[in-house]
Amino acid sequence: MKPIIKWSALVAAVLAVAAVGLWVSQRGALVQVVPVVRGAIAQAVVATGRMNAPARMDIAAEITATVSRPGDCR
């Protein structure tokens, strides 16, 4: 085989493996989907203590504005 054909086949194989790996990593977990229906309360729980979230996230927004005195509307 010619060297260019060998390299082309190698590149194609590497790209195919990379594409399959990317596809598998992007699929996510399968979950069971159930329609929501109204019904009676099955169980009530009363507890004391603190609730701990599994992760902490800080959410912020950057706001840009012009500050002016009343009556200086332009």
Protein backbone atom coordinates (compact mmCIF):
# COMPACT_ATOMS: atom_id res chain seq x y z
CA MET A 1 0.00 0.00 0.00
CA LYS A 2 1.09 3.52 -0.64
CA PRO A 3 2.05 5.60 2.41
CA ILE A 4 -0.67 8.20 1.77
CA ILE A 5 -3.34 5.50 1.76
CA LYS A 6 -1.99 4.08 5.03
CA TRP A 7 -2.02 7.51 6.69
CA SER A 8 -5.49 8.27 5.34
CA ALA A 9 -6.81 5.00 6.74
CA LEU A 10 -5.14 5.69 10.10
CA VAL A 11 -6.59 9.20 10.28
CA ALA A 12 -10.04 7.91 9.33
CA ALA A 13 -9.84 5.22 12.02
CA VAL A 14 -8.76 7.73 14.69
CA LEU A 15 -11.56 10.13 13.71
CA ALA A 16 -14.10 7.30 13.83
CA VAL A 17 -12.97 6.24 17.32
CA ALA A 18 -13.06 9.87 18.49
CA ALA A 19 -16.57 10.36 17.06
CA VAL A 20 -17.87 7.21 18.78
CA GLY A 21 -16.25 8.28 22.08
CA LEU A 22 -17.82 11.73 21.85
CA TRP A 23 -21.23 10.26 21.04
CA VAL A 24 -21.08 7.84 23.99
CA SER A 25 -19.99 10.57 26.42
CA GLN A 26 -22.80 12.94 25.35
CA ARG A 27 -25.71 10.48 25.66
CA GLY A 28 -26.48 10.86 29.35
CA ALA A 29 -28.33 8.44 31.60
CA LEU A 30 -31.65 6.86 30.69
CA VAL A 31 -34.45 7.82 33.06
CA GLN A 32 -37.99 6.57 33.50
CA VAL A 33 -40.60 9.16 32.50
CA VAL A 34 -44.00 9.05 34.19
CA PRO A 35 -46.95 11.39 33.49
CA VAL A 36 -48.00 13.69 36.34
CA VAL A 37 -51.40 12.94 37.85
CA ARG A 38 -53.23 14.49 40.79
CA GLY A 39 -53.77 12.15 43.70
CA ALA A 40 -53.98 11.86 47.47
CA ILE A 41 -50.96 12.44 49.71
CA ALA A 42 -49.34 9.08 50.29
CA GLN A 43 -47.00 10.05 53.13
CA ALA A 44 -46.10 13.16 55.14
CA VAL A 45 -42.73 13.66 56.81
CA VAL A 46 -41.95 16.05 59.67
CA ALA A 47 -38.30 16.50 60.58
CA THR A 48 -36.02 18.98 62.30
CA GLY A 49 -32.48 19.87 61.39
CA ARG A 50 -30.64 21.46 58.51
CA MET A 51 -30.87 20.64 54.86
CA ASN A 52 -27.59 20.38 52.99
CA ALA A 53 -27.53 20.84 49.25
CA PRO A 54 -25.29 18.43 47.30
CA ALA A 55 -23.58 21.42 45.63
CA ARG A 56 -23.38 25.15 46.19
CA MET A 57 -23.78 27.54 43.30
CA ASP A 58 -23.34 31.31 43.28
CA ILE A 59 -25.59 33.10 40.81
CA ALA A 60 -24.87 36.71 39.95
CA ALA A 61 -25.63 39.24 37.26
CA GLU A 62 -23.66 42.19 36.00
CA ILE A 63 -25.84 45.24 35.39
CA THR A 64 -24.71 48.33 33.53
CA ALA A 65 -26.69 51.56 33.94
CA THR A 66 -26.37 55.31 33.79
CA VAL A 67 -27.07 57.20 37.01
CA SER A 68 -28.59 60.67 36.66
CA ARG A 69 -30.29 63.20 38.87
CA PRO A 70 -34.09 63.63 38.73
CA GLY A 71 -35.01 66.05 35.98
CA ASP A 72 -31.82 65.43 33.94
CA CYS A 73 -33.54 63.11 31.47
CA ARG A 74 -31.95 63.28 28.04
